[in-house]
Amino acid sequence: MDFSRVDLSDDDRQFRDDVRALLRELVTEEVLRRDRETGDNFDEGVHLALGAAGYLEREWRPEADGGFSRVRRRIWEQEKRRFHVPWVTWGTTAMVARSVDRFATPEVRDEVLPRVFSGHVRMCLGYTEPEGGSDIATCKTRAVREDGSTWVINGAKMFTTGAHNCQYVFLITNTDPAAPKHQSLTMFLVPLDTPGIEIQGIRTVDGDRTNIVYYSDVRVDDRYRLGEVNGGWTVLREPLNAEHGAVAAADDGLADVSIMMHQAGFMADALDRVAGRVAETGPDGRRLLDDQSVAYRLGRSAARMEAALSTPSIFGRVAIAQAMRDISPDLMDIIGVASSLPLGTDGAADDGGAEYVYRFAPLVGIYGGTLEVFRNMIAQYALGLGKPKYAASQ
């Protein structure tokens, strides 16, 4: 891993300063307060402003097609995190847009992509089902061809985060129940204003909002099908790999080494706040940091975090989520009972940073697939240990 600093050109420094000025103007305390209250991880005003300024399209496109250079892409990603830009809905939109660009008809591409770049169209992921868990290939949501140009969809999807702020859902359906599960899937880009779709909000323990979405006799034109009938796994594989973090490392060192780095930023902020708090001199003239057990536990937490942030690919996805689970209780214990007060509460020991990470950590181990699933993937595909056997021993 290359830890060397990147020397910025004058133009790149100006780009960084321009990004900071724009984000400082857009991501106000009111935006952050509203995002905490709604749990949406999305702000339409900010999103539309970034679209109008061209940042969404430049982030999505490769440099050869007018996108950011590698250095500017890294600057952009880092500054978005520093300002805590509500980002999740753009993350799902960007993933789905790549499948739309590759598999949709020219008519649907022209309908969707320009408005994705302007910020007026957002897209969410319709994968998980109420009884399906992380194995999305066991899909039971049915799509039946009514005639040559219309499909009728019935079923339900869990954890469709951002659906209430989106215009389309990237929906996995079963079009041949008799076929093997990876050969029975067909993907659709379903307009969310279609009759028969009902979106119900769910709040998670960390305060985020996700959704369960019901599909009741939803009629979708065949032009919204992505890829071949029963060929949905091919369409799904690339965005699914991106969500899992199973992507190749960048040769230039200017990309995240694993997924979940945005979430890890909250952990880093919390640790910094706790470190600042224990270094303060109390009324008795002493610092918590002078207690060797406090210094040891804080140092251990920092070392675990740095190791997790440096771990690549799906290994890092596991390491970050596990580090958050391990570190957050220690941080709360170090600064005492006032650490249990949430962000914005009078008397919160560290402005609620460690408490938020404590509530957030279990969800980070579920988003995009559970840690158990990823550990099985590592065991099976990286270590060659074979498939797990869940049947009871005879």
Protein backbone atom coordinates (compact mmCIF):
# COMPACT_ATOMS: atom_id res chain seq x y z
CA MET A 1 0.00 0.00 0.00
CA ASP A 2 1.30 3.44 -0.95
CA PHE A 3 0.96 6.02 1.86
CA SER A 4 2.81 8.79 0.03
CA ARG A 5 1.23 12.20 -0.29
CA VAL A 6 -0.03 13.47 -3.62
CA ASP A 7 1.34 16.85 -4.67
CA LEU A 8 -1.52 18.85 -6.10
CA SER A 9 -1.14 21.15 -9.07
CA ASP A 10 -2.37 24.73 -8.79
CA ASP A 11 -5.46 23.78 -10.81
CA ASP A 12 -6.22 20.81 -8.55
CA ARG A 13 -5.82 22.96 -5.42
CA GLN A 14 -8.25 25.46 -6.93
CA PHE A 15 -10.66 22.61 -7.68
CA ARG A 16 -10.42 21.47 -4.05
CA ASP A 17 -11.06 24.99 -2.79
CA ASP A 18 -14.04 25.38 -5.12
CA VAL A 19 -15.53 22.07 -3.93
CA ARG A 20 -15.09 23.07 -0.31
CA ALA A 21 -16.72 26.45 -0.89
CA LEU A 22 -19.72 24.86 -2.63
CA LEU A 23 -20.20 22.14 -0.02
CA ARG A 24 -19.81 24.64 2.82
CA GLU A 25 -22.63 26.65 1.24
CA LEU A 26 -24.89 23.66 0.51
CA VAL A 27 -24.42 21.32 3.49
CA THR A 28 -25.67 23.59 6.22
CA GLU A 29 -26.46 22.75 9.82
CA GLU A 30 -30.12 22.77 8.80
CA VAL A 31 -29.42 20.14 6.12
CA LEU A 32 -27.58 17.93 8.62
CA ARG A 33 -30.26 18.38 11.28
CA ARG A 34 -33.02 17.49 8.81
CA ASP A 35 -31.09 14.46 7.61
CA ARG A 36 -30.67 13.21 11.18
CA GLU A 37 -34.38 13.67 11.83
CA THR A 38 -35.60 11.97 8.65
CA GLY A 39 -32.88 9.31 8.40
CA ASP A 40 -33.09 9.68 4.63
CA ASN A 41 -29.38 10.06 3.82
CA PHE A 42 -30.64 12.33 1.05
CA ASP A 43 -31.35 16.02 0.59
CA GLU A 44 -33.08 17.02 -2.61
CA GLY A 45 -31.85 20.62 -2.57
CA VAL A 46 -28.23 19.56 -2.19
CA HIS A 47 -28.63 16.80 -4.79
CA LEU A 48 -30.18 19.10 -7.41
CA ALA A 49 -27.53 21.75 -6.81
CA LEU A 50 -24.73 19.21 -7.33
CA GLY A 51 -26.47 18.04 -10.50
CA ALA A 52 -26.85 21.57 -11.82
CA ALA A 53 -23.15 22.24 -11.15
CA GLY A 54 -22.21 19.13 -13.16
CA TYR A 55 -20.67 17.19 -10.28
CA LEU A 56 -22.98 14.18 -10.50
CA GLU A 57 -22.23 13.55 -14.16
CA ARG A 58 -18.49 14.16 -13.73
CA GLU A 59 -18.38 11.72 -10.83
CA TRP A 60 -20.23 9.05 -12.83
CA ARG A 61 -18.33 9.33 -16.11
CA PRO A 62 -14.77 8.09 -16.68
CA GLU A 63 -12.15 10.75 -17.30
CA ALA A 64 -12.02 9.94 -21.02
CA ASP A 65 -15.72 10.86 -21.31
CA GLY A 66 -15.51 14.14 -19.43
CA GLY A 67 -15.42 12.82 -15.87
CA PHE A 68 -13.06 13.75 -13.07
CA SER A 69 -9.37 13.03 -13.33
CA ARG A 70 -8.18 10.43 -10.86
CA VAL A 71 -6.81 13.06 -8.47
CA ARG A 72 -9.92 15.23 -8.66
CA ARG A 73 -12.15 12.20 -8.13
CA ARG A 74 -10.26 11.45 -4.93
CA ILE A 75 -10.52 15.07 -3.80
CA TRP A 76 -14.24 15.02 -4.50
CA GLU A 77 -14.82 11.81 -2.57
CA GLN A 78 -12.81 12.98 0.42
CA GLU A 79 -14.50 16.37 0.62
CA LYS A 80 -17.97 14.85 0.38
CA ARG A 81 -17.14 12.77 3.44
CA ARG A 82 -15.63 15.63 5.40
CA PHE A 83 -18.80 17.66 4.92
CA HIS A 84 -21.06 14.62 5.56
CA VAL A 85 -22.97 15.13 2.31
CA PRO A 86 -26.15 12.96 2.41
CA TRP A 87 -25.11 10.47 -0.23
CA VAL A 88 -26.79 7.04 -0.06
CA THR A 89 -29.44 7.68 -2.71
CA TRP A 90 -26.83 8.92 -5.16
CA GLY A 91 -24.76 5.82 -4.44
CA THR A 92 -27.58 3.47 -5.46
CA THR A 93 -28.50 5.70 -8.40
CA ALA A 94 -24.96 5.66 -9.76
CA MET A 95 -24.77 1.86 -9.53
CA VAL A 96 -28.11 1.32 -11.29
CA ALA A 97 -27.28 3.91 -13.96
CA ARG A 98 -24.40 1.73 -15.16
CA SER A 99 -26.78 -1.16 -15.79
CA VAL A 100 -29.23 1.19 -17.48
CA ASP A 101 -26.45 2.47 -19.71
CA ARG A 102 -25.40 -1.05 -20.64
CA PHE A 103 -28.66 -3.00 -20.82
CA ALA A 104 -31.57 -0.58 -21.38
CA THR A 105 -33.05 0.27 -24.76
CA PRO A 106 -31.89 3.57 -26.29
CA GLU A 107 -35.35 4.98 -25.55
CA VAL A 108 -35.10 4.23 -21.82
CA ARG A 109 -31.48 5.41 -21.64
CA ASP A 110 -32.51 8.74 -23.15
CA GLU A 111 -35.43 8.95 -20.74
CA VAL A 112 -33.40 8.25 -17.64
CA LEU A 113 -29.70 9.15 -17.82
CA PRO A 114 -29.87 12.91 -18.59
CA ARG A 115 -32.21 13.37 -15.63
CA VAL A 116 -29.96 11.21 -13.45
CA PHE A 117 -27.14 13.64 -14.14
CA SER A 118 -29.31 16.69 -13.46
CA GLY A 119 -30.39 15.12 -10.16
CA HIS A 120 -34.09 14.91 -11.03
CA VAL A 121 -34.10 11.09 -11.33
CA ARG A 122 -32.95 8.83 -8.51
CA MET A 123 -32.97 5.03 -8.44
CA CYS A 124 -33.05 2.46 -5.63
CA LEU A 125 -32.35 -1.27 -5.27
CA GLY A 126 -35.23 -3.76 -5.17
CA TYR A 127 -33.33 -6.86 -4.06
CA THR A 128 -34.05 -8.30 -0.61
CA GLU A 129 -37.37 -9.96 0.22
CA PRO A 130 -39.08 -10.28 3.62
CA GLU A 131 -38.22 -13.97 3.87
CA GLY A 132 -35.21 -14.07 1.55
CA GLY A 133 -32.32 -12.72 3.62
CA SER A 134 -29.05 -12.05 1.82
CA ASP A 135 -29.55 -14.71 -0.86
CA ILE A 136 -31.35 -12.52 -3.38
CA ALA A 137 -31.29 -15.27 -6.00
CA THR A 138 -34.10 -16.98 -4.04
CA CYS A 139 -36.37 -14.23 -5.38
CA LYS A 140 -40.13 -14.93 -5.16
CA THR A 141 -41.43 -11.65 -6.56
CA ARG A 142 -43.10 -12.80 -9.75
CA ALA A 143 -43.21 -11.12 -13.13
CA VAL A 144 -45.65 -12.75 -15.56
CA ARG A 145 -45.88 -11.73 -19.20
CA GLU A 146 -49.45 -10.69 -19.82
CA ASP A 147 -48.99 -10.14 -23.53
CA GLY A 148 -46.15 -9.24 -25.85
CA SER A 149 -45.50 -5.83 -24.31
CA THR A 150 -46.68 -5.93 -20.68
CA TRP A 151 -45.52 -7.67 -17.50
CA VAL A 152 -47.54 -8.03 -14.29
CA ILE A 153 -45.47 -7.98 -11.10
CA ASN A 154 -46.54 -9.18 -7.65
CA GLY A 155 -44.45 -9.47 -4.51
CA ALA A 156 -42.65 -7.45 -1.84
CA LYS A 157 -39.14 -6.15 -1.21
CA MET A 158 -37.47 -5.21 2.06
CA PHE A 159 -34.76 -2.61 2.69
CA THR A 160 -35.49 -0.62 -0.45
CA THR A 161 -33.61 2.35 0.94
CA GLY A 162 -34.46 5.68 -0.66
CA ALA A 163 -37.56 4.45 -2.50
CA HIS A 164 -39.64 7.37 -1.21
CA ASN A 165 -37.15 9.79 -2.78
CA CYS A 166 -36.65 7.88 -6.05
CA GLN A 167 -38.38 7.69 -9.41
CA TYR A 168 -37.32 4.14 -10.42
CA VAL A 169 -36.49 0.86 -8.70
CA PHE A 170 -33.95 -1.64 -10.06
CA LEU A 171 -36.15 -4.67 -9.45
CA ILE A 172 -35.18 -8.32 -9.47
CA THR A 173 -38.05 -10.67 -10.34
CA ASN A 174 -38.63 -14.37 -10.90
CA THR A 175 -39.91 -15.11 -14.40
CA ASP A 176 -39.49 -18.90 -14.40
CA PRO A 177 -40.07 -20.60 -11.01
CA ALA A 178 -39.27 -24.03 -12.47
CA ALA A 179 -35.74 -23.02 -13.57
CA PRO A 180 -32.58 -23.11 -11.42
CA LYS A 181 -32.54 -20.01 -9.23
CA HIS A 182 -29.80 -18.14 -11.10
CA GLN A 183 -31.53 -18.84 -14.43
CA SER A 184 -35.00 -17.68 -13.42
CA LEU A 185 -34.33 -13.98 -12.83
CA THR A 186 -35.26 -10.96 -14.93
CA MET A 187 -34.41 -7.34 -14.10
CA PHE A 188 -36.71 -4.38 -14.61
CA LEU A 189 -36.36 -0.65 -14.13
CA VAL A 190 -39.82 0.04 -12.70
CA PRO A 191 -41.21 3.60 -12.46
CA LEU A 192 -42.23 4.05 -8.83
CA ASP A 193 -45.33 6.06 -9.72
CA THR A 194 -46.85 2.98 -11.40
CA PRO A 195 -50.26 2.00 -9.92
CA GLY A 196 -50.06 -0.92 -7.50
CA ILE A 197 -46.84 0.13 -5.76
CA GLU A 198 -47.02 0.94 -2.05
CA ILE A 199 -44.00 2.23 -0.11
CA GLN A 200 -43.95 1.91 3.69
CA GLY A 201 -41.18 3.42 5.79
CA ILE A 202 -39.13 1.52 8.40
CA ARG A 203 -36.77 3.19 10.89
CA THR A 204 -33.67 1.27 11.92
CA VAL A 205 -31.94 1.38 15.31
CA ASP A 206 -29.36 3.89 14.03
CA GLY A 207 -32.11 6.27 12.92
CA ASP A 208 -31.92 5.58 9.18
CA ARG A 209 -35.08 5.22 7.14
CA THR A 210 -35.46 2.30 4.79
CA ASN A 211 -38.63 0.87 3.20
CA ILE A 212 -40.69 -2.18 2.49
CA VAL A 213 -42.28 -1.94 -0.96
CA TYR A 214 -45.35 -3.92 -2.04
CA TYR A 215 -46.09 -4.73 -5.69
CA SER A 216 -49.72 -5.64 -6.38
CA ASP A 217 -50.60 -6.35 -10.04
CA VAL A 218 -48.08 -3.75 -11.16
CA ARG A 219 -48.13 -3.48 -14.95
CA VAL A 220 -44.79 -2.64 -16.52
CA ASP A 221 -44.08 -2.16 -20.20
CA ASP A 222 -41.51 -4.54 -21.66
CA ARG A 223 -39.34 -1.58 -22.64
CA TYR A 224 -38.38 -1.26 -18.97
CA ARG A 225 -36.87 -4.76 -18.98
CA LEU A 226 -33.07 -4.70 -18.63
CA GLY A 227 -31.30 -7.50 -20.47
CA GLU A 228 -32.71 -10.84 -21.52
CA VAL A 229 -35.66 -12.67 -20.00
CA ASN A 230 -34.22 -15.05 -17.37
CA GLY A 231 -30.84 -13.35 -17.90
CA GLY A 232 -31.15 -11.05 -14.92
CA TRP A 233 -28.14 -12.43 -13.07
CA THR A 234 -25.88 -11.04 -15.80
CA VAL A 235 -27.51 -7.61 -15.44
CA LEU A 236 -27.32 -7.74 -11.66
CA ARG A 237 -23.80 -9.03 -11.22
CA GLU A 238 -21.83 -5.81 -11.81
CA PRO A 239 -23.82 -3.53 -9.44
CA LEU A 240 -23.99 -6.37 -6.91
CA ASN A 241 -20.20 -6.75 -7.00
CA ALA A 242 -19.85 -2.99 -6.54
CA GLU A 243 -22.20 -3.05 -3.54
CA HIS A 244 -20.27 -5.97 -2.04
CA GLY A 245 -16.96 -4.21 -2.61
CA ALA A 246 -15.64 -7.10 -4.71
CA VAL A 247 -13.77 -4.80 -7.11
CA ALA A 248 -10.17 -4.76 -8.22
CA ALA A 249 -7.73 -2.44 -6.47
CA ALA A 250 -6.65 0.68 -8.36
CA ASP A 251 -3.04 0.70 -9.53
CA ASP A 252 -2.61 4.41 -8.75
CA GLY A 253 -3.70 4.12 -5.09
CA LEU A 254 -6.30 6.86 -5.54
CA ALA A 255 -9.37 4.78 -4.77
CA ASP A 256 -10.86 3.35 -1.60
CA VAL A 257 -9.27 0.02 -0.74
CA SER A 258 -12.69 -1.35 0.23
CA ILE A 259 -16.34 -0.41 0.42
CA MET A 260 -17.87 1.15 3.59
CA MET A 261 -15.27 3.92 3.80
CA HIS A 262 -18.04 6.50 4.10
CA GLN A 263 -19.38 4.69 7.16
CA ALA A 264 -15.87 4.34 8.53
CA GLY A 265 -15.58 8.11 8.50
CA PHE A 266 -18.08 8.32 11.35
CA MET A 267 -15.91 5.91 13.35
CA ALA A 268 -12.81 8.04 12.71
CA ASP A 269 -14.66 11.21 13.76
CA ALA A 270 -15.88 9.56 16.96
CA LEU A 271 -12.39 8.35 17.88
CA ASP A 272 -10.95 11.82 17.26
CA ARG A 273 -13.59 13.39 19.51
CA VAL A 274 -12.93 10.92 22.31
CA ALA A 275 -9.17 11.45 21.99
CA GLY A 276 -9.70 15.18 22.32
CA ARG A 277 -11.97 14.73 25.32
CA VAL A 278 -9.61 12.48 27.32
CA ALA A 279 -6.73 14.90 26.68
CA GLU A 280 -8.60 17.75 28.41
CA THR A 281 -7.63 18.71 31.95
CA GLY A 282 -10.47 18.16 34.39
CA PRO A 283 -11.44 20.20 37.47
CA ASP A 284 -9.07 18.06 39.56
CA GLY A 285 -6.13 18.99 37.31
CA ARG A 286 -5.87 15.51 35.83
CA ARG A 287 -6.53 14.11 32.37
CA LEU A 288 -8.28 10.83 31.65
CA LEU A 289 -5.46 10.08 29.24
CA ASP A 290 -3.03 9.94 32.17
CA ASP A 291 -4.71 6.71 33.26
CA GLN A 292 -2.68 3.98 31.56
CA SER A 293 -5.74 1.79 30.99
CA VAL A 294 -7.46 4.63 29.16
CA ALA A 295 -4.38 5.30 27.04
CA TYR A 296 -4.08 1.59 26.24
CA ARG A 297 -7.72 1.15 25.24
CA LEU A 298 -7.74 4.31 23.14
CA GLY A 299 -4.52 3.26 21.41
CA ARG A 300 -5.90 -0.22 20.80
CA SER A 301 -9.03 1.27 19.24
CA ALA A 302 -6.97 3.54 16.99
CA ALA A 303 -4.79 0.61 15.88
CA ARG A 304 -7.82 -1.56 15.12
CA MET A 305 -9.39 1.25 13.12
CA GLU A 306 -6.25 1.93 11.08
CA ALA A 307 -5.87 -1.78 10.32
CA ALA A 308 -9.50 -1.96 9.17
CA LEU A 309 -9.16 1.14 6.97
CA SER A 310 -6.09 -0.42 5.32
CA THR A 311 -7.70 -3.79 4.58
CA PRO A 312 -8.70 -4.24 0.92
CA SER A 313 -11.70 -5.61 -0.98
CA ILE A 314 -14.36 -7.70 0.77
CA PHE A 315 -11.87 -8.35 3.58
CA GLY A 316 -11.98 -4.64 4.38
CA ARG A 317 -15.74 -4.58 4.20
CA VAL A 318 -15.75 -7.17 7.05
CA ALA A 319 -12.90 -5.51 8.95
CA ILE A 320 -14.56 -2.06 9.00
CA ALA A 321 -17.92 -3.36 10.21
CA GLN A 322 -16.30 -5.54 12.88
CA ALA A 323 -14.01 -2.72 14.01
CA MET A 324 -17.01 -0.44 14.45
CA ARG A 325 -18.68 -3.08 16.62
CA ASP A 326 -15.51 -3.57 18.69
CA ILE A 327 -14.42 0.04 19.07
CA SER A 328 -17.66 1.88 19.81
CA PRO A 329 -18.37 0.22 23.21
CA ASP A 330 -14.79 0.95 24.31
CA LEU A 331 -15.07 4.61 23.29
CA MET A 332 -18.33 4.98 25.19
CA ASP A 333 -16.90 3.29 28.28
CA ILE A 334 -13.78 5.48 28.27
CA ILE A 335 -15.71 8.75 28.50
CA GLY A 336 -18.42 7.50 30.81
CA VAL A 337 -22.18 7.51 31.10
CA ALA A 338 -22.65 10.86 29.33
CA SER A 339 -21.49 9.11 26.14
CA SER A 340 -24.91 7.45 25.95
CA LEU A 341 -26.53 10.81 25.15
CA PRO A 342 -27.20 11.22 21.40
CA LEU A 343 -26.07 13.94 19.03
CA GLY A 344 -27.52 17.34 19.82
CA THR A 345 -28.35 16.48 23.44
CA ASP A 346 -27.16 18.84 26.17
CA GLY A 347 -24.34 17.21 28.07
CA ALA A 348 -23.40 14.62 25.45
CA ALA A 349 -19.80 13.75 26.24
CA ASP A 350 -18.50 13.76 22.67
CA ASP A 351 -21.48 15.34 20.88
CA GLY A 352 -22.95 11.87 20.51
CA GLY A 353 -20.26 10.53 18.16
CA ALA A 354 -19.49 7.22 19.88
CA GLU A 355 -23.17 6.61 20.69
CA TYR A 356 -24.08 7.00 17.02
CA VAL A 357 -21.34 4.61 15.89
CA TYR A 358 -22.52 2.11 18.51
CA ARG A 359 -26.05 2.15 17.01
CA PHE A 360 -24.74 2.33 13.45
CA ALA A 361 -22.27 -0.58 13.70
CA PRO A 362 -24.77 -3.48 13.61
CA LEU A 363 -26.36 -2.05 10.46
CA VAL A 364 -23.00 -1.68 8.71
CA GLY A 365 -22.62 -5.43 9.23
CA ILE A 366 -25.90 -6.00 7.37
CA TYR A 367 -25.97 -3.46 4.53
CA GLY A 368 -25.25 -5.09 1.17
CA GLY A 369 -25.11 -8.54 2.80
CA THR A 370 -24.38 -9.70 6.33
CA LEU A 371 -20.93 -10.27 7.78
CA GLU A 372 -21.75 -13.97 8.00
CA VAL A 373 -22.33 -14.07 4.24
CA PHE A 374 -19.07 -12.24 3.55
CA ARG A 375 -17.10 -14.47 5.89
CA ASN A 376 -18.48 -17.50 4.07
CA MET A 377 -17.49 -15.91 0.75
CA ILE A 378 -13.96 -15.34 2.03
CA ALA A 379 -13.74 -18.88 3.39
CA GLN A 380 -15.07 -20.44 0.21
CA TYR A 381 -13.52 -18.34 -2.56
CA ALA A 382 -10.38 -16.87 -0.99
CA LEU A 383 -9.32 -19.65 1.38
CA GLY A 384 -10.70 -22.62 -0.56
CA LEU A 385 -12.48 -24.11 2.44
CA GLY A 386 -15.55 -25.25 0.51
CA LYS A 387 -19.22 -24.48 1.01
CA PRO A 388 -20.57 -24.27 4.56
CA LYS A 389 -22.83 -27.10 5.73
CA TYR A 390 -25.76 -26.00 7.86
CA ALA A 391 -27.49 -29.37 8.23
CA ALA A 392 -27.37 -30.98 11.64
CA SER A 393 -24.88 -33.81 12.05
CA GLN A 394 -26.36 -37.28 11.88
